[in-house]
Amino acid sequence: MSYTIDTTSYDKHAKYPIGHGYGIRPHQPTTIVVHSTEGKTGQTLESAASYLYRSPDVSSDFLLGKGSEIIQFLDSGRFQAWHAGGYQGDGIWTAQAAYSNPNSIGVECLHAKGEPWPPAQLDTLAWLLEYLTARYVIPVTSIETHGFVAIRGPYDRKKDPTDWPHGEFIAWRDARLLDAPAYVPYRIIAPCAIVTSRSGAAPLAGGPDNGMTWLEPGNIINVGDLTDGWYWVSDKPDLPPGAGFILQCYAVPA
């Protein structure tokens, strides 16, 4: 089945300024958090979408209906939705650091406690998760539930998605989802040189541009992984990663 993502009906950035339930993402996302909306039983998709769209306090990257509906609120590469929490200051965390708002994509599913999980909704969730892991080079093992990553502990402060025990969710995730591709195309957005390791002090990778490998805006490269803020990259679109590393601020998904 083919799926369509509605990117325009609830485009939060087009309507509300930074700070209205979302912020600027400091780097590309590296994890995904699955939520359930937990409104009233029988809540409509339009009602749940309107709340996430209008709220100045919370948001989400995506909302999935009971069927094949997918609503996108924010560009996940540019903005962080305020959906999972994070560092609140004074040593207080409300979500595990790896799954905090700056690092994660939030996927809300229309569901209230006691309702069933329709097969069509689960099929849509699987498709979206595979799409996101491929686009942002995110391992399937970096997909978690809100209840598990929220602090004070697993399923204490937050318990969603409800009616889906954590062990069953992980079993579904691991059985249903395909691993992300070995590498995916990215587009260079600022001039940069490839270096030989994940360090600002690393030697430059050798190449034809005055002894180095130089990348210009618009160049298409392949990215194999994202670790500690660095992409492992190729220097040409027809080659696999292996040329070296660049900081993630220099490239975005093509």
C-alpha atoms as a PDB file:
ATOM      1  CA  MET A   1       0.000   0.000   0.000  1.00  0.00           C
ATOM      2  CA  SER A   2       1.179   3.538  -0.730  1.00  0.00           C
ATOM      3  CA  TYR A   3       1.019   6.204   1.967  1.00  0.00           C
ATOM      4  CA  THR A   4       0.751   9.985   1.794  1.00  0.00           C
ATOM      5  CA  ILE A   5       2.038  12.376   4.437  1.00  0.00           C
ATOM      6  CA  ASP A   6      -0.083  15.510   4.864  1.00  0.00           C
ATOM      7  CA  THR A   7       2.576  18.201   5.259  1.00  0.00           C
ATOM      8  CA  THR A   8       0.389  21.285   4.738  1.00  0.00           C
ATOM      9  CA  SER A   9      -2.873  21.120   6.726  1.00  0.00           C
ATOM     10  CA  TYR A  10      -1.175  21.485  10.116  1.00  0.00           C
ATOM     11  CA  ASP A  11       2.201  23.042   9.267  1.00  0.00           C
ATOM     12  CA  LYS A  12       3.005  24.466  12.698  1.00  0.00           C
ATOM     13  CA  HIS A  13       6.004  26.552  11.648  1.00  0.00           C
ATOM     14  CA  ALA A  14       3.940  28.262   8.934  1.00  0.00           C
ATOM     15  CA  LYS A  15       1.372  29.383  11.529  1.00  0.00           C
ATOM     16  CA  TYR A  16       3.218  29.808  14.835  1.00  0.00           C
ATOM     17  CA  PRO A  17       6.670  31.192  15.740  1.00  0.00           C
ATOM     18  CA  ILE A  18       9.583  29.312  17.277  1.00  0.00           C
ATOM     19  CA  GLY A  19       8.768  28.585  20.922  1.00  0.00           C
ATOM     20  CA  HIS A  20       5.106  27.733  20.285  1.00  0.00           C
ATOM     21  CA  GLY A  21       5.513  24.086  21.252  1.00  0.00           C
ATOM     22  CA  TYR A  22       8.708  23.595  19.267  1.00  0.00           C
ATOM     23  CA  GLY A  23      12.232  24.895  18.767  1.00  0.00           C
ATOM     24  CA  ILE A  24      15.162  24.867  16.369  1.00  0.00           C
ATOM     25  CA  ARG A  25      16.795  21.442  16.133  1.00  0.00           C
ATOM     26  CA  PRO A  26      20.539  21.734  16.878  1.00  0.00           C
ATOM     27  CA  HIS A  27      21.412  18.703  14.747  1.00  0.00           C
ATOM     28  CA  GLN A  28      19.800  15.909  12.773  1.00  0.00           C
ATOM     29  CA  PRO A  29      17.612  13.533  14.850  1.00  0.00           C
ATOM     30  CA  THR A  30      19.117  10.265  16.046  1.00  0.00           C
ATOM     31  CA  THR A  31      16.174   8.555  17.806  1.00  0.00           C
ATOM     32  CA  ILE A  32      12.379   8.169  17.541  1.00  0.00           C
ATOM     33  CA  VAL A  33       9.790   8.169  20.343  1.00  0.00           C
ATOM     34  CA  VAL A  34       6.358   6.588  19.831  1.00  0.00           C
ATOM     35  CA  HIS A  35       3.434   8.099  21.777  1.00  0.00           C
ATOM     36  CA  SER A  36      -0.331   7.713  22.026  1.00  0.00           C
ATOM     37  CA  THR A  37      -2.561  10.778  22.311  1.00  0.00           C
ATOM     38  CA  GLU A  38      -4.616   9.551  25.284  1.00  0.00           C
ATOM     39  CA  GLY A  39      -7.548  11.888  24.742  1.00  0.00           C
ATOM     40  CA  LYS A  40     -11.143  10.892  25.330  1.00  0.00           C
ATOM     41  CA  THR A  41     -12.321   7.556  23.987  1.00  0.00           C
ATOM     42  CA  GLY A  42     -13.414   8.055  20.399  1.00  0.00           C
ATOM     43  CA  GLN A  43     -11.501  11.324  19.931  1.00  0.00           C
ATOM     44  CA  THR A  44     -11.382  12.330  16.284  1.00  0.00           C
ATOM     45  CA  LEU A  45      -8.186  12.730  14.329  1.00  0.00           C
ATOM     46  CA  GLU A  46      -9.080  16.365  13.643  1.00  0.00           C
ATOM     47  CA  SER A  47      -9.480  17.085  17.361  1.00  0.00           C
ATOM     48  CA  ALA A  48      -6.130  15.526  18.271  1.00  0.00           C
ATOM     49  CA  ALA A  49      -4.389  17.253  15.368  1.00  0.00           C
ATOM     50  CA  SER A  50      -5.871  20.633  16.282  1.00  0.00           C
ATOM     51  CA  TYR A  51      -4.604  20.319  19.852  1.00  0.00           C
ATOM     52  CA  LEU A  52      -1.029  19.431  18.823  1.00  0.00           C
ATOM     53  CA  TYR A  53      -1.095  22.155  16.158  1.00  0.00           C
ATOM     54  CA  ARG A  54      -2.394  24.964  18.356  1.00  0.00           C
ATOM     55  CA  SER A  55      -0.759  24.148  21.691  1.00  0.00           C
ATOM     56  CA  PRO A  56       2.011  26.535  22.797  1.00  0.00           C
ATOM     57  CA  ASP A  57       3.374  23.930  25.214  1.00  0.00           C
ATOM     58  CA  VAL A  58       3.624  20.641  23.326  1.00  0.00           C
ATOM     59  CA  SER A  59       3.834  19.324  19.800  1.00  0.00           C
ATOM     60  CA  SER A  60       4.823  16.305  17.746  1.00  0.00           C
ATOM     61  CA  ASP A  61       6.492  15.667  14.440  1.00  0.00           C
ATOM     62  CA  PHE A  62       3.747  13.328  13.244  1.00  0.00           C
ATOM     63  CA  LEU A  63       0.251  12.131  14.148  1.00  0.00           C
ATOM     64  CA  LEU A  64      -1.197   8.854  12.860  1.00  0.00           C
ATOM     65  CA  GLY A  65      -4.912   8.184  12.587  1.00  0.00           C
ATOM     66  CA  LYS A  66      -6.715   4.883  13.049  1.00  0.00           C
ATOM     67  CA  GLY A  67      -6.257   4.088   9.369  1.00  0.00           C
ATOM     68  CA  SER A  68      -3.592   5.215   6.932  1.00  0.00           C
ATOM     69  CA  GLU A  69      -3.684   8.937   7.814  1.00  0.00           C
ATOM     70  CA  ILE A  70      -0.331  10.622   8.509  1.00  0.00           C
ATOM     71  CA  ILE A  71      -0.180  14.268   9.561  1.00  0.00           C
ATOM     72  CA  GLN A  72       3.149  16.083   9.766  1.00  0.00           C
ATOM     73  CA  PHE A  73       3.418  19.169  11.979  1.00  0.00           C
ATOM     74  CA  LEU A  74       7.125  19.992  11.659  1.00  0.00           C
ATOM     75  CA  ASP A  75      10.117  19.377   9.413  1.00  0.00           C
ATOM     76  CA  SER A  76      12.068  16.932  11.598  1.00  0.00           C
ATOM     77  CA  GLY A  77      15.411  17.996  10.151  1.00  0.00           C
ATOM     78  CA  ARG A  78      14.883  21.666  11.027  1.00  0.00           C
ATOM     79  CA  PHE A  79      12.747  21.708  14.168  1.00  0.00           C
ATOM     80  CA  GLN A  80      12.441  19.808  17.441  1.00  0.00           C
ATOM     81  CA  ALA A  81       8.926  19.126  18.645  1.00  0.00           C
ATOM     82  CA  TRP A  82       8.372  19.449  22.383  1.00  0.00           C
ATOM     83  CA  HIS A  83       7.074  15.930  22.873  1.00  0.00           C
ATOM     84  CA  ALA A  84       9.378  13.885  25.123  1.00  0.00           C
ATOM     85  CA  GLY A  85      11.031  16.354  27.483  1.00  0.00           C
ATOM     86  CA  GLY A  86      14.693  16.696  28.297  1.00  0.00           C
ATOM     87  CA  TYR A  87      16.947  18.754  30.528  1.00  0.00           C
ATOM     88  CA  GLN A  88      14.939  21.232  32.634  1.00  0.00           C
ATOM     89  CA  GLY A  89      17.893  22.802  34.502  1.00  0.00           C
ATOM     90  CA  ASP A  90      19.174  22.342  38.046  1.00  0.00           C
ATOM     91  CA  GLY A  91      20.159  18.767  37.239  1.00  0.00           C
ATOM     92  CA  ILE A  92      16.571  17.755  36.407  1.00  0.00           C
ATOM     93  CA  TRP A  93      15.854  15.570  33.377  1.00  0.00           C
ATOM     94  CA  THR A  94      12.365  14.542  32.248  1.00  0.00           C
ATOM     95  CA  ALA A  95      13.525  12.173  29.495  1.00  0.00           C
ATOM     96  CA  GLN A  96      16.575  10.067  28.814  1.00  0.00           C
ATOM     97  CA  ALA A  97      19.138  12.268  27.090  1.00  0.00           C
ATOM     98  CA  ALA A  98      19.287  10.184  23.901  1.00  0.00           C
ATOM     99  CA  TYR A  99      15.509  10.524  23.479  1.00  0.00           C
ATOM    100  CA  SER A 100      15.151  14.141  24.574  1.00  0.00           C
ATOM    101  CA  ASN A 101      13.500  16.672  22.290  1.00  0.00           C
ATOM    102  CA  PRO A 102      16.686  17.887  20.534  1.00  0.00           C
ATOM    103  CA  ASN A 103      17.632  14.312  19.610  1.00  0.00           C
ATOM    104  CA  SER A 104      14.346  12.623  18.791  1.00  0.00           C
ATOM    105  CA  ILE A 105      11.405  12.559  16.402  1.00  0.00           C
ATOM    106  CA  GLY A 106       7.994  12.331  18.089  1.00  0.00           C
ATOM    107  CA  VAL A 107       5.314  10.115  16.522  1.00  0.00           C
ATOM    108  CA  GLU A 108       1.865  10.363  18.103  1.00  0.00           C
ATOM    109  CA  CYS A 109      -0.761   7.692  17.452  1.00  0.00           C
ATOM    110  CA  LEU A 110      -4.478   8.431  17.865  1.00  0.00           C
ATOM    111  CA  HIS A 111      -5.322   6.101  20.751  1.00  0.00           C
ATOM    112  CA  ALA A 112      -6.976   6.270  24.157  1.00  0.00           C
ATOM    113  CA  LYS A 113      -6.564   3.750  26.963  1.00  0.00           C
ATOM    114  CA  GLY A 114      -8.872   0.783  26.416  1.00  0.00           C
ATOM    115  CA  GLU A 115      -9.153   1.209  22.652  1.00  0.00           C
ATOM    116  CA  PRO A 116      -7.854  -1.447  20.240  1.00  0.00           C
ATOM    117  CA  TRP A 117      -4.892  -0.902  17.936  1.00  0.00           C
ATOM    118  CA  PRO A 118      -6.306  -1.345  14.409  1.00  0.00           C
ATOM    119  CA  PRO A 119      -4.089  -3.319  11.996  1.00  0.00           C
ATOM    120  CA  ALA A 120      -4.237  -0.435   9.489  1.00  0.00           C
ATOM    121  CA  GLN A 121      -2.795   1.957  12.085  1.00  0.00           C
ATOM    122  CA  LEU A 122       0.021  -0.448  12.932  1.00  0.00           C
ATOM    123  CA  ASP A 123       0.794  -0.922   9.241  1.00  0.00           C
ATOM    124  CA  THR A 124       0.987   2.860   8.838  1.00  0.00           C
ATOM    125  CA  LEU A 125       3.217   3.192  11.888  1.00  0.00           C
ATOM    126  CA  ALA A 126       5.572   0.533  10.530  1.00  0.00           C
ATOM    127  CA  TRP A 127       5.783   2.303   7.167  1.00  0.00           C
ATOM    128  CA  LEU A 128       6.476   5.701   8.749  1.00  0.00           C
ATOM    129  CA  LEU A 129       9.133   4.333  11.093  1.00  0.00           C
ATOM    130  CA  GLU A 130      10.925   2.641   8.197  1.00  0.00           C
ATOM    131  CA  TYR A 131      10.726   5.871   6.198  1.00  0.00           C
ATOM    132  CA  LEU A 132      12.204   7.907   9.066  1.00  0.00           C
ATOM    133  CA  THR A 133      14.982   5.439   9.958  1.00  0.00           C
ATOM    134  CA  ALA A 134      16.064   5.384   6.316  1.00  0.00           C
ATOM    135  CA  ARG A 135      15.884   9.160   5.840  1.00  0.00           C
ATOM    136  CA  TYR A 136      17.820  10.033   8.997  1.00  0.00           C
ATOM    137  CA  VAL A 137      20.059   6.924   9.263  1.00  0.00           C
ATOM    138  CA  ILE A 138      18.483   5.908  12.589  1.00  0.00           C
ATOM    139  CA  PRO A 139      18.932   2.312  13.818  1.00  0.00           C
ATOM    140  CA  VAL A 140      15.694   0.416  14.461  1.00  0.00           C
ATOM    141  CA  THR A 141      16.956  -0.195  18.008  1.00  0.00           C
ATOM    142  CA  SER A 142      16.811   3.580  18.581  1.00  0.00           C
ATOM    143  CA  ILE A 143      12.990   3.571  18.393  1.00  0.00           C
ATOM    144  CA  GLU A 144      11.396   3.578  21.852  1.00  0.00           C
ATOM    145  CA  THR A 145       8.136   4.320  23.639  1.00  0.00           C
ATOM    146  CA  HIS A 146       7.405   7.507  25.563  1.00  0.00           C
ATOM    147  CA  GLY A 147       6.642   5.549  28.711  1.00  0.00           C
ATOM    148  CA  PHE A 148      10.013   3.828  28.627  1.00  0.00           C
ATOM    149  CA  VAL A 149      12.194   6.908  28.032  1.00  0.00           C
ATOM    150  CA  ALA A 150      10.395   9.309  30.389  1.00  0.00           C
ATOM    151  CA  ILE A 151      12.020   9.986  33.745  1.00  0.00           C
ATOM    152  CA  ARG A 152      11.326   9.159  36.743  1.00  0.00           C
ATOM    153  CA  GLY A 153      11.562   5.690  35.298  1.00  0.00           C
ATOM    154  CA  PRO A 154       9.965   3.342  32.815  1.00  0.00           C
ATOM    155  CA  TYR A 155       6.173   3.827  32.763  1.00  0.00           C
ATOM    156  CA  ASP A 156       6.085   5.994  35.865  1.00  0.00           C
ATOM    157  CA  ARG A 157       5.714   9.639  34.787  1.00  0.00           C
ATOM    158  CA  LYS A 158       4.395   8.631  31.357  1.00  0.00           C
ATOM    159  CA  LYS A 159       2.645   5.406  30.377  1.00  0.00           C
ATOM    160  CA  ASP A 160       2.017   5.745  26.655  1.00  0.00           C
ATOM    161  CA  PRO A 161       1.441   4.136  24.264  1.00  0.00           C
ATOM    162  CA  THR A 162      -1.200   2.429  26.393  1.00  0.00           C
ATOM    163  CA  ASP A 163      -2.586  -1.068  25.748  1.00  0.00           C
ATOM    164  CA  TRP A 164       0.775  -2.014  24.255  1.00  0.00           C
ATOM    165  CA  PRO A 165       3.140  -3.512  26.868  1.00  0.00           C
ATOM    166  CA  HIS A 166       6.751  -2.552  26.361  1.00  0.00           C
ATOM    167  CA  GLY A 167       7.931  -6.085  25.686  1.00  0.00           C
ATOM    168  CA  GLU A 168       5.266  -6.508  23.029  1.00  0.00           C
ATOM    169  CA  PHE A 169       6.184  -3.190  21.433  1.00  0.00           C
ATOM    170  CA  ILE A 170       9.874  -4.156  21.217  1.00  0.00           C
ATOM    171  CA  ALA A 171       8.983  -7.567  19.789  1.00  0.00           C
ATOM    172  CA  TRP A 172       6.754  -5.895  17.177  1.00  0.00           C
ATOM    173  CA  ARG A 173       9.448  -3.328  16.354  1.00  0.00           C
ATOM    174  CA  ASP A 174      12.184  -5.911  15.894  1.00  0.00           C
ATOM    175  CA  ALA A 175      10.032  -8.342  13.911  1.00  0.00           C
ATOM    176  CA  ARG A 176       8.233  -5.819  11.744  1.00  0.00           C
ATOM    177  CA  LEU A 177      10.782  -3.158  10.838  1.00  0.00           C
ATOM    178  CA  LEU A 178      13.589  -3.496   8.349  1.00  0.00           C
ATOM    179  CA  ASP A 179      17.009  -2.134   9.231  1.00  0.00           C
ATOM    180  CA  ALA A 180      17.852   1.210   7.699  1.00  0.00           C
ATOM    181  CA  PRO A 181      19.837   1.075   4.430  1.00  0.00           C
ATOM    182  CA  ALA A 182      23.603   0.859   4.713  1.00  0.00           C
ATOM    183  CA  TYR A 183      23.769   4.462   3.523  1.00  0.00           C
ATOM    184  CA  VAL A 184      21.515   7.214   2.192  1.00  0.00           C
ATOM    185  CA  PRO A 185      22.069  10.346   0.057  1.00  0.00           C
ATOM    186  CA  TYR A 186      22.590  13.690   1.759  1.00  0.00           C
ATOM    187  CA  ARG A 187      23.058  17.170   0.296  1.00  0.00           C
ATOM    188  CA  ILE A 188      25.893  19.490   1.348  1.00  0.00           C
ATOM    189  CA  ILE A 189      24.568  22.867   2.570  1.00  0.00           C
ATOM    190  CA  ALA A 190      27.832  24.608   3.545  1.00  0.00           C
ATOM    191  CA  PRO A 191      31.427  24.288   2.284  1.00  0.00           C
ATOM    192  CA  CYS A 192      33.496  21.794   4.242  1.00  0.00           C
ATOM    193  CA  ALA A 193      36.487  19.472   4.070  1.00  0.00           C
ATOM    194  CA  ILE A 194      36.343  15.772   4.935  1.00  0.00           C
ATOM    195  CA  VAL A 195      38.510  14.765   7.896  1.00  0.00           C
ATOM    196  CA  THR A 196      39.932  11.363   8.783  1.00  0.00           C
ATOM    197  CA  SER A 197      38.238  10.853  12.170  1.00  0.00           C
ATOM    198  CA  ARG A 198      35.451  12.225  14.371  1.00  0.00           C
ATOM    199  CA  SER A 199      37.462  15.121  15.769  1.00  0.00           C
ATOM    200  CA  GLY A 200      37.847  18.773  14.963  1.00  0.00           C
ATOM    201  CA  ALA A 201      41.605  18.297  15.273  1.00  0.00           C
ATOM    202  CA  ALA A 202      41.727  15.319  12.897  1.00  0.00           C
ATOM    203  CA  PRO A 203      43.903  15.480   9.756  1.00  0.00           C
ATOM    204  CA  LEU A 204      42.178  16.295   6.489  1.00  0.00           C
ATOM    205  CA  ALA A 205      41.311  13.433   4.183  1.00  0.00           C
ATOM    206  CA  GLY A 206      43.554  13.498   1.144  1.00  0.00           C
ATOM    207  CA  GLY A 207      42.076  14.528  -2.162  1.00  0.00           C
ATOM    208  CA  PRO A 208      42.341  16.583  -5.364  1.00  0.00           C
ATOM    209  CA  ASP A 209      41.614  20.035  -3.886  1.00  0.00           C
ATOM    210  CA  ASN A 210      45.017  21.283  -2.704  1.00  0.00           C
ATOM    211  CA  GLY A 211      45.660  17.934  -1.085  1.00  0.00           C
ATOM    212  CA  MET A 212      42.259  17.639   0.579  1.00  0.00           C
ATOM    213  CA  THR A 213      38.735  16.457  -0.184  1.00  0.00           C
ATOM    214  CA  TRP A 214      36.509  19.535  -0.390  1.00  0.00           C
ATOM    215  CA  LEU A 215      32.682  19.544  -0.575  1.00  0.00           C
ATOM    216  CA  GLU A 216      30.583  22.400  -1.924  1.00  0.00           C
ATOM    217  CA  PRO A 217      26.908  23.303  -1.330  1.00  0.00           C
ATOM    218  CA  GLY A 218      24.709  21.217  -3.582  1.00  0.00           C
ATOM    219  CA  ASN A 219      27.085  18.250  -3.713  1.00  0.00           C
ATOM    220  CA  ILE A 220      25.339  14.910  -3.081  1.00  0.00           C
ATOM    221  CA  ILE A 221      27.179  12.437  -0.879  1.00  0.00           C
ATOM    222  CA  ASN A 222      26.262   9.218   0.917  1.00  0.00           C
ATOM    223  CA  VAL A 223      26.023   9.039   4.720  1.00  0.00           C
ATOM    224  CA  GLY A 224      26.554   5.738   6.514  1.00  0.00           C
ATOM    225  CA  ASP A 225      26.048   6.662  10.144  1.00  0.00           C
ATOM    226  CA  LEU A 226      25.731   9.517  12.605  1.00  0.00           C
ATOM    227  CA  THR A 227      27.844   9.235  15.759  1.00  0.00           C
ATOM    228  CA  ASP A 228      28.768  11.999  18.213  1.00  0.00           C
ATOM    229  CA  GLY A 229      27.599  14.671  15.785  1.00  0.00           C
ATOM    230  CA  TRP A 230      29.682  13.386  12.854  1.00  0.00           C
ATOM    231  CA  TYR A 231      28.574  11.815   9.566  1.00  0.00           C
ATOM    232  CA  TRP A 232      30.611   9.007   8.007  1.00  0.00           C
ATOM    233  CA  VAL A 233      30.519   9.963   4.326  1.00  0.00           C
ATOM    234  CA  SER A 234      31.478   9.360   0.728  1.00  0.00           C
ATOM    235  CA  ASP A 235      32.828  12.162  -1.428  1.00  0.00           C
ATOM    236  CA  LYS A 236      30.674  11.299  -4.481  1.00  0.00           C
ATOM    237  CA  PRO A 237      27.053  10.197  -4.958  1.00  0.00           C
ATOM    238  CA  ASP A 238      28.034   6.912  -6.641  1.00  0.00           C
ATOM    239  CA  LEU A 239      30.356   5.732  -3.867  1.00  0.00           C
ATOM    240  CA  PRO A 240      29.615   4.199  -0.447  1.00  0.00           C
ATOM    241  CA  PRO A 241      30.826   5.960   2.741  1.00  0.00           C
ATOM    242  CA  GLY A 242      34.495   5.613   3.492  1.00  0.00           C
ATOM    243  CA  ALA A 243      36.136   8.900   2.501  1.00  0.00           C
ATOM    244  CA  GLY A 244      36.012  10.192   6.087  1.00  0.00           C
ATOM    245  CA  PHE A 245      33.840  12.358   8.313  1.00  0.00           C
ATOM    246  CA  ILE A 246      32.095  15.716   8.369  1.00  0.00           C
ATOM    247  CA  LEU A 247      30.112  17.480  11.083  1.00  0.00           C
ATOM    248  CA  GLN A 248      26.389  16.925  10.736  1.00  0.00           C
ATOM    249  CA  CYS A 249      25.690  20.655  10.405  1.00  0.00           C
ATOM    250  CA  TYR A 250      27.134  20.555   6.880  1.00  0.00           C
ATOM    251  CA  ALA A 251      24.587  18.206   5.276  1.00  0.00           C
ATOM    252  CA  VAL A 252      20.875  17.378   5.248  1.00  0.00           C
ATOM    253  CA  PRO A 253      18.894  14.505   3.690  1.00  0.00           C
ATOM    254  CA  ALA A 254      18.773  14.893  -0.079  1.00  0.00           C
END
